[in-house]
Amino acid sequence: MYDLSTLDCLDFSKEKFQLNKLHEQYSKGNSIYAMFSGVSEPRTGVYFNKKVLQDAGIDPESIYDMQKDGTWTWDKFDELMGKCQRDTDNDGTDDVYGLTLNESNMTNVAVFSNGGSYVGKDDKGYFYNLEAPETVEALEWVVKMFDKYDNHDPEGAEWDYYKEEFLNGSVAFMVEDEYAGTPGNFLADMQDEVGFVMFPKGPKKNDYINIWSNNPAAIPGCYDADRAWKIAFAWNLYTDEPAGYDAFNGFPGRAREGIFDSRACDETIPMMSDPKNGTIAFHGMIPNMDIGPDFTWNIAPGAVVSEQIEAIADTWKQYIDDANK
């Protein structure tokens, strides 16, 4: 990749870069190797089935109200899942469940929602952060939530069974990416009305967080300086907003074409793209480090977090050392 920091036609202090921070993710030292322009795509949040909540005596609008006033926390999420999960026919088996999901989605966002991460970055380079107190606290909390509310997949079920389970209306909450509810994606078949909020904040975090992941634009490193400059100059003009549309966020408009209600479009999705609620992750920048099969796929009902950390710690530390070299 070409070092974009050497091209004087690019100014990474401009708002269109600061709105997504992707250039910080793809940087090393003073060099920058990729960029993205404009508002960041919203990512992982919490869908909720309004009918299931109402049947449990919960006003669905109260979740939006908590998000708005800053009281939407892990504890409130736990409390609401507990109220929704119940045995409706008194046969000793729950008929309505609190939670369904691809567990890795919740594991990752929970870690960041508590101020943790798998890999950090400072002036010296990347550093191992899996055993930071904030990270471990989040991992142990998600296992508790999985044990209480997510241990109900039928034997032999496919990994994406959670989609069917949420669509059939027997689950209150699903942690999933925003795009799942946009036109052409699986929630288009949802019959019950749903809401959508940001993931609740953990005890070590003062505000909600969204892990941004946008498509990077790069210039091949084999191009000479003149060609690289011309490409960057053209791309920079192409990605400038027209006058009057500065920092335009088109994602709420896309959401309105999907299954989202008005408060998700007006409140949640703009919040997900707000720089104060967004962050970038560095674990994807470490060669050979694949957090799914390496680790997060094993954070499931019944998991012992300390054992899973011990199994991968030395390997990840070596990967990070190699990346810094």
C-alpha atoms as a PDB file:
ATOM      1  CA  MET A   1       0.000   0.000   0.000  1.00  0.00           C
ATOM      2  CA  TYR A   2       1.166   3.542  -0.774  1.00  0.00           C
ATOM      3  CA  ASP A   3       1.926   5.796   2.201  1.00  0.00           C
ATOM      4  CA  LEU A   4      -0.939   8.292   1.935  1.00  0.00           C
ATOM      5  CA  SER A   5       0.591  10.605   4.529  1.00  0.00           C
ATOM      6  CA  THR A   6       3.171  11.656   1.905  1.00  0.00           C
ATOM      7  CA  LEU A   7       0.489  13.049  -0.448  1.00  0.00           C
ATOM      8  CA  ASP A   8      -0.116  16.738   0.218  1.00  0.00           C
ATOM      9  CA  CYS A   9      -3.557  16.683  -1.436  1.00  0.00           C
ATOM     10  CA  LEU A  10      -4.920  14.690   1.521  1.00  0.00           C
ATOM     11  CA  ASP A  11      -5.604  16.371   4.858  1.00  0.00           C
ATOM     12  CA  PHE A  12      -6.510  13.790   7.480  1.00  0.00           C
ATOM     13  CA  SER A  13      -7.528  16.467   9.970  1.00  0.00           C
ATOM     14  CA  LYS A  14     -10.602  17.200   7.810  1.00  0.00           C
ATOM     15  CA  GLU A  15     -13.996  16.234   9.170  1.00  0.00           C
ATOM     16  CA  LYS A  16     -14.667  13.613   6.490  1.00  0.00           C
ATOM     17  CA  PHE A  17     -11.755  11.567   7.853  1.00  0.00           C
ATOM     18  CA  GLN A  18     -12.334  12.306  11.532  1.00  0.00           C
ATOM     19  CA  LEU A  19     -15.932  11.078  11.215  1.00  0.00           C
ATOM     20  CA  ASN A  20     -14.749   7.451  10.851  1.00  0.00           C
ATOM     21  CA  LYS A  21     -11.067   7.316  11.981  1.00  0.00           C
ATOM     22  CA  LEU A  22     -10.289   4.457   9.603  1.00  0.00           C
ATOM     23  CA  HIS A  23      -6.969   6.074   8.654  1.00  0.00           C
ATOM     24  CA  GLU A  24      -5.911   5.692  12.306  1.00  0.00           C
ATOM     25  CA  GLN A  25      -6.645   1.973  12.101  1.00  0.00           C
ATOM     26  CA  TYR A  26      -4.499   1.607   8.969  1.00  0.00           C
ATOM     27  CA  SER A  27      -1.532   3.585  10.241  1.00  0.00           C
ATOM     28  CA  LYS A  28       1.907   2.712  11.540  1.00  0.00           C
ATOM     29  CA  GLY A  29       4.059   5.389  13.077  1.00  0.00           C
ATOM     30  CA  ASN A  30       3.518   8.516  10.977  1.00  0.00           C
ATOM     31  CA  SER A  31       2.506   6.529   7.893  1.00  0.00           C
ATOM     32  CA  ILE A  32      -1.084   6.023   6.731  1.00  0.00           C
ATOM     33  CA  TYR A  33      -2.006   3.252   4.298  1.00  0.00           C
ATOM     34  CA  ALA A  34      -5.805   3.372   3.866  1.00  0.00           C
ATOM     35  CA  MET A  35      -8.697   5.790   4.298  1.00  0.00           C
ATOM     36  CA  PHE A  36     -12.457   6.161   4.283  1.00  0.00           C
ATOM     37  CA  SER A  37     -14.518   9.287   3.774  1.00  0.00           C
ATOM     38  CA  GLY A  38     -17.597  10.440   5.639  1.00  0.00           C
ATOM     39  CA  VAL A  39     -20.035   9.091   8.184  1.00  0.00           C
ATOM     40  CA  SER A  40     -19.347   5.601   9.491  1.00  0.00           C
ATOM     41  CA  GLU A  41     -21.707   2.712   8.834  1.00  0.00           C
ATOM     42  CA  PRO A  42     -23.732   1.733  11.925  1.00  0.00           C
ATOM     43  CA  ARG A  43     -22.871  -1.726  13.197  1.00  0.00           C
ATOM     44  CA  THR A  44     -23.900  -3.978  16.087  1.00  0.00           C
ATOM     45  CA  GLY A  45     -26.920  -3.147  18.226  1.00  0.00           C
ATOM     46  CA  VAL A  46     -29.816  -4.821  20.030  1.00  0.00           C
ATOM     47  CA  TYR A  47     -33.088  -5.699  18.287  1.00  0.00           C
ATOM     48  CA  PHE A  48     -36.139  -6.268  20.466  1.00  0.00           C
ATOM     49  CA  ASN A  49     -39.523  -7.809  19.715  1.00  0.00           C
ATOM     50  CA  LYS A  50     -42.115  -5.311  20.918  1.00  0.00           C
ATOM     51  CA  LYS A  51     -44.902  -7.882  21.235  1.00  0.00           C
ATOM     52  CA  VAL A  52     -42.792 -10.194  23.404  1.00  0.00           C
ATOM     53  CA  LEU A  53     -41.892  -7.266  25.670  1.00  0.00           C
ATOM     54  CA  GLN A  54     -45.505  -6.118  25.939  1.00  0.00           C
ATOM     55  CA  ASP A  55     -46.630  -9.662  26.813  1.00  0.00           C
ATOM     56  CA  ALA A  56     -44.111  -9.539  29.673  1.00  0.00           C
ATOM     57  CA  GLY A  57     -45.513  -6.211  30.915  1.00  0.00           C
ATOM     58  CA  ILE A  58     -42.678  -4.065  29.524  1.00  0.00           C
ATOM     59  CA  ASP A  59     -43.225  -0.876  27.555  1.00  0.00           C
ATOM     60  CA  PRO A  60     -40.893  -1.162  24.511  1.00  0.00           C
ATOM     61  CA  GLU A  61     -40.543   2.612  24.376  1.00  0.00           C
ATOM     62  CA  SER A  62     -38.880   2.508  27.787  1.00  0.00           C
ATOM     63  CA  ILE A  63     -35.760   1.007  26.179  1.00  0.00           C
ATOM     64  CA  TYR A  64     -35.446   3.993  23.855  1.00  0.00           C
ATOM     65  CA  ASP A  65     -36.023   6.268  26.840  1.00  0.00           C
ATOM     66  CA  MET A  66     -33.196   4.582  28.756  1.00  0.00           C
ATOM     67  CA  GLN A  67     -30.894   4.880  25.766  1.00  0.00           C
ATOM     68  CA  LYS A  68     -31.743   8.580  25.538  1.00  0.00           C
ATOM     69  CA  ASP A  69     -31.192   9.402  29.208  1.00  0.00           C
ATOM     70  CA  GLY A  70     -28.055   7.263  29.598  1.00  0.00           C
ATOM     71  CA  THR A  71     -29.476   4.528  31.846  1.00  0.00           C
ATOM     72  CA  TRP A  72     -29.395   1.689  29.276  1.00  0.00           C
ATOM     73  CA  THR A  73     -26.836  -0.572  31.001  1.00  0.00           C
ATOM     74  CA  TRP A  74     -25.802  -4.220  31.219  1.00  0.00           C
ATOM     75  CA  ASP A  75     -27.863  -4.558  34.408  1.00  0.00           C
ATOM     76  CA  LYS A  76     -31.032  -3.218  32.762  1.00  0.00           C
ATOM     77  CA  PHE A  77     -30.511  -5.535  29.787  1.00  0.00           C
ATOM     78  CA  ASP A  78     -30.158  -8.488  32.167  1.00  0.00           C
ATOM     79  CA  GLU A  79     -33.264  -7.419  34.073  1.00  0.00           C
ATOM     80  CA  LEU A  80     -35.429  -7.145  30.952  1.00  0.00           C
ATOM     81  CA  MET A  81     -34.261 -10.475  29.538  1.00  0.00           C
ATOM     82  CA  GLY A  82     -35.133 -12.073  32.867  1.00  0.00           C
ATOM     83  CA  LYS A  83     -38.660 -10.649  32.793  1.00  0.00           C
ATOM     84  CA  CYS A  84     -39.262 -11.851  29.244  1.00  0.00           C
ATOM     85  CA  GLN A  85     -37.931 -15.397  29.618  1.00  0.00           C
ATOM     86  CA  ARG A  86     -40.692 -17.522  31.082  1.00  0.00           C
ATOM     87  CA  ASP A  87     -42.706 -20.733  30.991  1.00  0.00           C
ATOM     88  CA  THR A  88     -46.109 -19.697  29.655  1.00  0.00           C
ATOM     89  CA  ASP A  89     -47.861 -23.102  29.855  1.00  0.00           C
ATOM     90  CA  ASN A  90     -46.464 -24.296  33.228  1.00  0.00           C
ATOM     91  CA  ASP A  91     -44.868 -27.444  31.825  1.00  0.00           C
ATOM     92  CA  GLY A  92     -41.481 -26.726  33.409  1.00  0.00           C
ATOM     93  CA  THR A  93     -39.830 -25.611  30.160  1.00  0.00           C
ATOM     94  CA  ASP A  94     -39.420 -22.012  29.044  1.00  0.00           C
ATOM     95  CA  ASP A  95     -41.483 -21.096  25.987  1.00  0.00           C
ATOM     96  CA  VAL A  96     -40.231 -17.534  25.565  1.00  0.00           C
ATOM     97  CA  TYR A  97     -36.510 -16.763  25.744  1.00  0.00           C
ATOM     98  CA  GLY A  98     -34.597 -13.654  26.649  1.00  0.00           C
ATOM     99  CA  LEU A  99     -31.886 -13.790  24.015  1.00  0.00           C
ATOM    100  CA  THR A 100     -30.843 -15.302  20.709  1.00  0.00           C
ATOM    101  CA  LEU A 101     -27.814 -14.384  18.588  1.00  0.00           C
ATOM    102  CA  ASN A 102     -24.558 -15.337  16.973  1.00  0.00           C
ATOM    103  CA  GLU A 103     -22.613 -15.273  20.243  1.00  0.00           C
ATOM    104  CA  SER A 104     -19.478 -13.698  18.752  1.00  0.00           C
ATOM    105  CA  ASN A 105     -21.423 -10.541  17.888  1.00  0.00           C
ATOM    106  CA  MET A 106     -22.359  -9.939  21.500  1.00  0.00           C
ATOM    107  CA  THR A 107     -18.971 -10.987  22.857  1.00  0.00           C
ATOM    108  CA  ASN A 108     -17.137  -8.444  20.717  1.00  0.00           C
ATOM    109  CA  VAL A 109     -19.442  -5.503  21.331  1.00  0.00           C
ATOM    110  CA  ALA A 110     -19.660  -6.273  25.060  1.00  0.00           C
ATOM    111  CA  VAL A 111     -15.863  -6.127  25.382  1.00  0.00           C
ATOM    112  CA  PHE A 112     -15.733  -2.668  23.808  1.00  0.00           C
ATOM    113  CA  SER A 113     -18.867  -1.504  25.646  1.00  0.00           C
ATOM    114  CA  ASN A 114     -16.876  -1.876  28.879  1.00  0.00           C
ATOM    115  CA  GLY A 115     -13.792  -0.070  27.602  1.00  0.00           C
ATOM    116  CA  GLY A 116     -11.909  -3.279  26.800  1.00  0.00           C
ATOM    117  CA  SER A 117     -10.353  -4.693  23.622  1.00  0.00           C
ATOM    118  CA  TYR A 118      -8.344  -7.671  22.417  1.00  0.00           C
ATOM    119  CA  VAL A 119      -5.473  -5.595  21.018  1.00  0.00           C
ATOM    120  CA  GLY A 120      -4.601  -2.017  21.903  1.00  0.00           C
ATOM    121  CA  LYS A 121      -2.318   0.483  20.236  1.00  0.00           C
ATOM    122  CA  ASP A 122      -0.084   3.242  21.583  1.00  0.00           C
ATOM    123  CA  ASP A 123       3.032   5.152  20.520  1.00  0.00           C
ATOM    124  CA  LYS A 124       5.123   1.992  20.842  1.00  0.00           C
ATOM    125  CA  GLY A 125       2.860  -0.116  18.629  1.00  0.00           C
ATOM    126  CA  TYR A 126       0.281  -2.821  19.273  1.00  0.00           C
ATOM    127  CA  PHE A 127      -0.157  -4.407  22.686  1.00  0.00           C
ATOM    128  CA  TYR A 128      -1.970  -7.464  24.058  1.00  0.00           C
ATOM    129  CA  ASN A 129      -5.126  -6.476  25.948  1.00  0.00           C
ATOM    130  CA  LEU A 130      -7.112  -9.704  26.354  1.00  0.00           C
ATOM    131  CA  GLU A 131      -6.366  -9.887  30.070  1.00  0.00           C
ATOM    132  CA  ALA A 132      -7.157  -6.256  30.879  1.00  0.00           C
ATOM    133  CA  PRO A 133      -9.701  -6.071  33.745  1.00  0.00           C
ATOM    134  CA  GLU A 134     -12.318  -4.373  31.540  1.00  0.00           C
ATOM    135  CA  THR A 135     -11.993  -7.102  28.894  1.00  0.00           C
ATOM    136  CA  VAL A 136     -12.149 -10.007  31.328  1.00  0.00           C
ATOM    137  CA  GLU A 137     -15.136  -8.490  33.150  1.00  0.00           C
ATOM    138  CA  ALA A 138     -17.022  -8.257  29.857  1.00  0.00           C
ATOM    139  CA  LEU A 139     -16.166 -11.812  28.831  1.00  0.00           C
ATOM    140  CA  GLU A 140     -17.329 -13.214  32.154  1.00  0.00           C
ATOM    141  CA  TRP A 141     -20.534 -11.171  31.967  1.00  0.00           C
ATOM    142  CA  VAL A 142     -21.444 -12.407  28.486  1.00  0.00           C
ATOM    143  CA  VAL A 143     -20.972 -16.028  29.549  1.00  0.00           C
ATOM    144  CA  LYS A 144     -23.398 -15.407  32.436  1.00  0.00           C
ATOM    145  CA  MET A 145     -25.916 -13.919  30.012  1.00  0.00           C
ATOM    146  CA  PHE A 146     -25.502 -16.847  27.614  1.00  0.00           C
ATOM    147  CA  ASP A 147     -25.974 -19.320  30.477  1.00  0.00           C
ATOM    148  CA  LYS A 148     -29.144 -17.596  31.672  1.00  0.00           C
ATOM    149  CA  TYR A 149     -30.846 -16.637  28.416  1.00  0.00           C
ATOM    150  CA  ASP A 150     -29.187 -18.230  25.369  1.00  0.00           C
ATOM    151  CA  ASN A 151     -28.795 -21.905  26.186  1.00  0.00           C
ATOM    152  CA  HIS A 152     -31.769 -23.216  24.182  1.00  0.00           C
ATOM    153  CA  ASP A 153     -30.629 -24.128  20.656  1.00  0.00           C
ATOM    154  CA  PRO A 154     -31.920 -27.555  19.580  1.00  0.00           C
ATOM    155  CA  GLU A 155     -29.289 -30.276  19.358  1.00  0.00           C
ATOM    156  CA  GLY A 156     -27.664 -30.230  15.933  1.00  0.00           C
ATOM    157  CA  ALA A 157     -28.990 -26.758  15.049  1.00  0.00           C
ATOM    158  CA  GLU A 158     -27.079 -24.788  12.415  1.00  0.00           C
ATOM    159  CA  TRP A 159     -24.956 -21.848  13.568  1.00  0.00           C
ATOM    160  CA  ASP A 160     -27.506 -19.361  12.204  1.00  0.00           C
ATOM    161  CA  TYR A 161     -30.545 -20.956  13.851  1.00  0.00           C
ATOM    162  CA  TYR A 162     -30.890 -17.763  15.877  1.00  0.00           C
ATOM    163  CA  LYS A 163     -32.298 -16.001  12.811  1.00  0.00           C
ATOM    164  CA  GLU A 164     -35.211 -18.433  12.567  1.00  0.00           C
ATOM    165  CA  GLU A 165     -35.773 -18.262  16.310  1.00  0.00           C
ATOM    166  CA  PHE A 166     -36.069 -14.482  16.350  1.00  0.00           C
ATOM    167  CA  LEU A 167     -38.295 -14.435  13.265  1.00  0.00           C
ATOM    168  CA  ASN A 168     -40.777 -16.870  14.832  1.00  0.00           C
ATOM    169  CA  GLY A 169     -41.445 -14.465  17.721  1.00  0.00           C
ATOM    170  CA  SER A 170     -40.336 -16.601  20.665  1.00  0.00           C
ATOM    171  CA  VAL A 171     -37.381 -14.428  21.736  1.00  0.00           C
ATOM    172  CA  ALA A 172     -37.254 -10.945  23.229  1.00  0.00           C
ATOM    173  CA  PHE A 173     -33.792  -9.704  22.203  1.00  0.00           C
ATOM    174  CA  MET A 174     -31.244 -10.330  19.451  1.00  0.00           C
ATOM    175  CA  VAL A 175     -27.788  -8.760  19.227  1.00  0.00           C
ATOM    176  CA  GLU A 176     -27.063  -8.282  15.528  1.00  0.00           C
ATOM    177  CA  ASP A 177     -25.738  -5.802  12.975  1.00  0.00           C
ATOM    178  CA  GLU A 178     -27.923  -2.939  11.787  1.00  0.00           C
ATOM    179  CA  TYR A 179     -27.826  -4.113   8.170  1.00  0.00           C
ATOM    180  CA  ALA A 180     -29.833  -7.231   9.107  1.00  0.00           C
ATOM    181  CA  GLY A 181     -32.925  -5.037   9.168  1.00  0.00           C
ATOM    182  CA  THR A 182     -32.303  -3.241   5.875  1.00  0.00           C
ATOM    183  CA  PRO A 183     -34.004  -4.216   2.584  1.00  0.00           C
ATOM    184  CA  GLY A 184     -33.027  -7.630   1.264  1.00  0.00           C
ATOM    185  CA  ASN A 185     -31.696  -8.983   4.561  1.00  0.00           C
ATOM    186  CA  PHE A 186     -33.176 -11.688   6.770  1.00  0.00           C
ATOM    187  CA  LEU A 187     -35.267  -9.465   9.055  1.00  0.00           C
ATOM    188  CA  ALA A 188     -37.331  -8.374   6.053  1.00  0.00           C
ATOM    189  CA  ASP A 189     -39.519 -11.432   6.836  1.00  0.00           C
ATOM    190  CA  MET A 190     -40.170 -10.325  10.425  1.00  0.00           C
ATOM    191  CA  GLN A 191     -43.890 -10.172  11.204  1.00  0.00           C
ATOM    192  CA  ASP A 192     -43.787  -8.622  14.694  1.00  0.00           C
ATOM    193  CA  GLU A 193     -42.769  -4.998  15.127  1.00  0.00           C
ATOM    194  CA  VAL A 194     -39.214  -4.574  16.371  1.00  0.00           C
ATOM    195  CA  GLY A 195     -37.131  -1.846  17.969  1.00  0.00           C
ATOM    196  CA  PHE A 196     -33.381  -1.294  17.722  1.00  0.00           C
ATOM    197  CA  VAL A 197     -31.000   0.332  20.213  1.00  0.00           C
ATOM    198  CA  MET A 198     -27.274   0.550  20.772  1.00  0.00           C
ATOM    199  CA  PHE A 199     -25.645  -2.135  22.910  1.00  0.00           C
ATOM    200  CA  PRO A 200     -25.910  -1.167  26.604  1.00  0.00           C
ATOM    201  CA  LYS A 201     -22.891   0.307  28.342  1.00  0.00           C
ATOM    202  CA  GLY A 202     -20.816  -1.653  30.826  1.00  0.00           C
ATOM    203  CA  PRO A 203     -19.827  -0.469  34.307  1.00  0.00           C
ATOM    204  CA  LYS A 204     -16.433   0.807  33.117  1.00  0.00           C
ATOM    205  CA  LYS A 205     -17.829   2.936  30.276  1.00  0.00           C
ATOM    206  CA  ASN A 206     -19.648   6.280  30.474  1.00  0.00           C
ATOM    207  CA  ASP A 207     -21.289   6.167  27.053  1.00  0.00           C
ATOM    208  CA  TYR A 208     -22.457   3.703  24.413  1.00  0.00           C
ATOM    209  CA  ILE A 209     -19.962   2.479  21.858  1.00  0.00           C
ATOM    210  CA  ASN A 210     -20.121   1.167  18.302  1.00  0.00           C
ATOM    211  CA  ILE A 211     -17.205  -0.716  16.736  1.00  0.00           C
ATOM    212  CA  TRP A 212     -16.788   0.863  13.321  1.00  0.00           C
ATOM    213  CA  SER A 213     -15.756  -1.250  10.357  1.00  0.00           C
ATOM    214  CA  ASN A 214     -15.715   0.509   6.985  1.00  0.00           C
ATOM    215  CA  ASN A 215     -14.318  -0.463   3.598  1.00  0.00           C
ATOM    216  CA  PRO A 216     -10.763   0.921   3.238  1.00  0.00           C
ATOM    217  CA  ALA A 217      -9.577   2.766   0.145  1.00  0.00           C
ATOM    218  CA  ALA A 218      -5.905   2.265  -0.671  1.00  0.00           C
ATOM    219  CA  ILE A 219      -3.446   3.034  -3.467  1.00  0.00           C
ATOM    220  CA  PRO A 220      -1.047   0.298  -4.654  1.00  0.00           C
ATOM    221  CA  GLY A 221       2.469   0.783  -3.374  1.00  0.00           C
ATOM    222  CA  CYS A 222       3.943   0.031  -6.808  1.00  0.00           C
ATOM    223  CA  TYR A 223       2.668   3.317  -8.292  1.00  0.00           C
ATOM    224  CA  ASP A 224       5.082   6.242  -8.630  1.00  0.00           C
ATOM    225  CA  ALA A 225       4.552   9.463  -6.675  1.00  0.00           C
ATOM    226  CA  ASP A 226       2.939  11.339  -9.576  1.00  0.00           C
ATOM    227  CA  ARG A 227       0.346   8.656 -10.281  1.00  0.00           C
ATOM    228  CA  ALA A 228      -0.428   8.141  -6.575  1.00  0.00           C
ATOM    229  CA  TRP A 229      -0.915  11.902  -6.093  1.00  0.00           C
ATOM    230  CA  LYS A 230      -3.289  12.151  -9.051  1.00  0.00           C
ATOM    231  CA  ILE A 231      -5.379   9.206  -7.831  1.00  0.00           C
ATOM    232  CA  ALA A 232      -5.569  10.670  -4.323  1.00  0.00           C
ATOM    233  CA  PHE A 233      -6.437  14.128  -5.693  1.00  0.00           C
ATOM    234  CA  ALA A 234      -9.306  12.721  -7.768  1.00  0.00           C
ATOM    235  CA  TRP A 235     -10.594  10.489  -4.940  1.00  0.00           C
ATOM    236  CA  ASN A 236     -10.453  13.429  -2.540  1.00  0.00           C
ATOM    237  CA  LEU A 237     -12.603  15.586  -4.836  1.00  0.00           C
ATOM    238  CA  TYR A 238     -15.005  12.718  -5.502  1.00  0.00           C
ATOM    239  CA  THR A 239     -15.586  12.109  -1.782  1.00  0.00           C
ATOM    240  CA  ASP A 240     -16.056  15.763  -0.789  1.00  0.00           C
ATOM    241  CA  GLU A 241     -19.673  16.471   0.131  1.00  0.00           C
ATOM    242  CA  PRO A 242     -21.588  18.944  -2.042  1.00  0.00           C
ATOM    243  CA  ALA A 243     -22.168  22.344  -0.461  1.00  0.00           C
ATOM    244  CA  GLY A 244     -24.906  22.141   2.157  1.00  0.00           C
ATOM    245  CA  TYR A 245     -24.522  18.376   2.696  1.00  0.00           C
ATOM    246  CA  ASP A 246     -21.554  18.393   5.056  1.00  0.00           C
ATOM    247  CA  ALA A 247     -21.389  15.220   7.171  1.00  0.00           C
ATOM    248  CA  PHE A 248     -24.563  13.942   5.527  1.00  0.00           C
ATOM    249  CA  ASN A 249     -25.738  10.669   7.092  1.00  0.00           C
ATOM    250  CA  GLY A 250     -27.688   8.558   4.625  1.00  0.00           C
ATOM    251  CA  PHE A 251     -27.996   5.518   6.878  1.00  0.00           C
ATOM    252  CA  PRO A 252     -31.258   6.553   8.627  1.00  0.00           C
ATOM    253  CA  GLY A 253     -32.862   6.917   5.186  1.00  0.00           C
ATOM    254  CA  ARG A 254     -31.767   3.418   4.244  1.00  0.00           C
ATOM    255  CA  ALA A 255     -33.116   2.119   7.542  1.00  0.00           C
ATOM    256  CA  ARG A 256     -36.538   3.651   6.893  1.00  0.00           C
ATOM    257  CA  GLU A 257     -36.829   1.385   3.850  1.00  0.00           C
ATOM    258  CA  GLY A 258     -36.324  -1.641   6.114  1.00  0.00           C
ATOM    259  CA  ILE A 259     -38.024  -2.867   9.283  1.00  0.00           C
ATOM    260  CA  PHE A 260     -36.913  -0.093  11.639  1.00  0.00           C
ATOM    261  CA  ASP A 261     -39.338   2.075  13.600  1.00  0.00           C
ATOM    262  CA  SER A 262     -39.094   5.863  13.707  1.00  0.00           C
ATOM    263  CA  ARG A 263     -37.130   6.046  16.964  1.00  0.00           C
ATOM    264  CA  ALA A 264     -34.471   3.662  15.668  1.00  0.00           C
ATOM    265  CA  CYS A 265     -34.099   5.829  12.552  1.00  0.00           C
ATOM    266  CA  ASP A 266     -34.193   9.158  14.389  1.00  0.00           C
ATOM    267  CA  GLU A 267     -32.246   8.251  17.526  1.00  0.00           C
ATOM    268  CA  THR A 268     -30.290   4.985  17.452  1.00  0.00           C
ATOM    269  CA  ILE A 269     -28.789   4.958  13.965  1.00  0.00           C
ATOM    270  CA  PRO A 270     -27.540   8.580  14.026  1.00  0.00           C
ATOM    271  CA  MET A 271     -26.027   7.855  17.454  1.00  0.00           C
ATOM    272  CA  MET A 272     -24.148   4.858  16.040  1.00  0.00           C
ATOM    273  CA  SER A 273     -22.412   7.136  13.526  1.00  0.00           C
ATOM    274  CA  ASP A 274     -21.623   9.897  16.024  1.00  0.00           C
ATOM    275  CA  PRO A 275     -17.843  10.145  16.633  1.00  0.00           C
ATOM    276  CA  LYS A 276     -18.359  10.229  20.411  1.00  0.00           C
ATOM    277  CA  ASN A 277     -20.037   6.798  20.186  1.00  0.00           C
ATOM    278  CA  GLY A 278     -17.650   5.184  17.712  1.00  0.00           C
ATOM    279  CA  THR A 279     -14.319   3.418  17.960  1.00  0.00           C
ATOM    280  CA  ILE A 280     -11.951   1.396  15.802  1.00  0.00           C
ATOM    281  CA  ALA A 281     -10.465  -2.006  16.627  1.00  0.00           C
ATOM    282  CA  PHE A 282      -6.923  -3.170  16.001  1.00  0.00           C
ATOM    283  CA  HIS A 283      -7.142  -6.958  16.313  1.00  0.00           C
ATOM    284  CA  GLY A 284      -7.843  -7.265  12.576  1.00  0.00           C
ATOM    285  CA  MET A 285      -4.507  -5.593  11.817  1.00  0.00           C
ATOM    286  CA  ILE A 286      -2.454  -8.407  13.377  1.00  0.00           C
ATOM    287  CA  PRO A 287      -1.306 -11.043  10.836  1.00  0.00           C
ATOM    288  CA  ASN A 288      -2.502 -14.593  11.616  1.00  0.00           C
ATOM    289  CA  MET A 289      -4.835 -13.397  14.380  1.00  0.00           C
ATOM    290  CA  ASP A 290      -8.382 -14.614  13.706  1.00  0.00           C
ATOM    291  CA  ILE A 291     -10.388 -13.892  16.837  1.00  0.00           C
ATOM    292  CA  GLY A 292     -13.355 -16.096  15.886  1.00  0.00           C
ATOM    293  CA  PRO A 293     -11.806 -19.584  15.644  1.00  0.00           C
ATOM    294  CA  ASP A 294      -8.965 -18.522  17.950  1.00  0.00           C
ATOM    295  CA  PHE A 295     -11.180 -17.394  20.794  1.00  0.00           C
ATOM    296  CA  THR A 296     -14.665 -15.863  20.553  1.00  0.00           C
ATOM    297  CA  TRP A 297     -16.368 -18.941  19.066  1.00  0.00           C
ATOM    298  CA  ASN A 298     -15.496 -20.649  22.353  1.00  0.00           C
ATOM    299  CA  ILE A 299     -17.122 -17.942  24.492  1.00  0.00           C
ATOM    300  CA  ALA A 300     -20.475 -19.697  24.696  1.00  0.00           C
ATOM    301  CA  PRO A 301     -22.837 -21.117  27.336  1.00  0.00           C
ATOM    302  CA  GLY A 302     -20.803 -23.010  29.927  1.00  0.00           C
ATOM    303  CA  ALA A 303     -17.449 -21.524  28.900  1.00  0.00           C
ATOM    304  CA  VAL A 304     -14.754 -20.898  31.506  1.00  0.00           C
ATOM    305  CA  VAL A 305     -13.199 -17.593  30.479  1.00  0.00           C
ATOM    306  CA  SER A 306      -9.888 -18.094  32.298  1.00  0.00           C
ATOM    307  CA  GLU A 307      -9.332 -21.403  30.490  1.00  0.00           C
ATOM    308  CA  GLN A 308     -10.073 -19.889  27.086  1.00  0.00           C
ATOM    309  CA  ILE A 309      -7.687 -16.994  27.750  1.00  0.00           C
ATOM    310  CA  GLU A 310      -4.940 -19.316  28.919  1.00  0.00           C
ATOM    311  CA  ALA A 311      -5.314 -21.447  25.784  1.00  0.00           C
ATOM    312  CA  ILE A 312      -4.657 -18.537  23.388  1.00  0.00           C
ATOM    313  CA  ALA A 313      -2.643 -15.965  25.370  1.00  0.00           C
ATOM    314  CA  ASP A 314       0.882 -17.018  24.349  1.00  0.00           C
ATOM    315  CA  THR A 315      -0.109 -17.398  20.705  1.00  0.00           C
ATOM    316  CA  TRP A 316      -1.661 -13.932  20.522  1.00  0.00           C
ATOM    317  CA  LYS A 317       1.270 -12.349  22.324  1.00  0.00           C
ATOM    318  CA  GLN A 318       3.603 -13.849  19.739  1.00  0.00           C
ATOM    319  CA  TYR A 319       1.421 -12.639  16.862  1.00  0.00           C
ATOM    320  CA  ILE A 320       1.468  -9.114  18.302  1.00  0.00           C
ATOM    321  CA  ASP A 321       5.241  -9.177  18.854  1.00  0.00           C
ATOM    322  CA  ASP A 322       5.711 -10.282  15.243  1.00  0.00           C
ATOM    323  CA  ALA A 323       3.428  -7.491  14.002  1.00  0.00           C
ATOM    324  CA  ASN A 324       5.415  -4.882  15.912  1.00  0.00           C
ATOM    325  CA  LYS A 325       8.644  -6.159  14.368  1.00  0.00           C
END
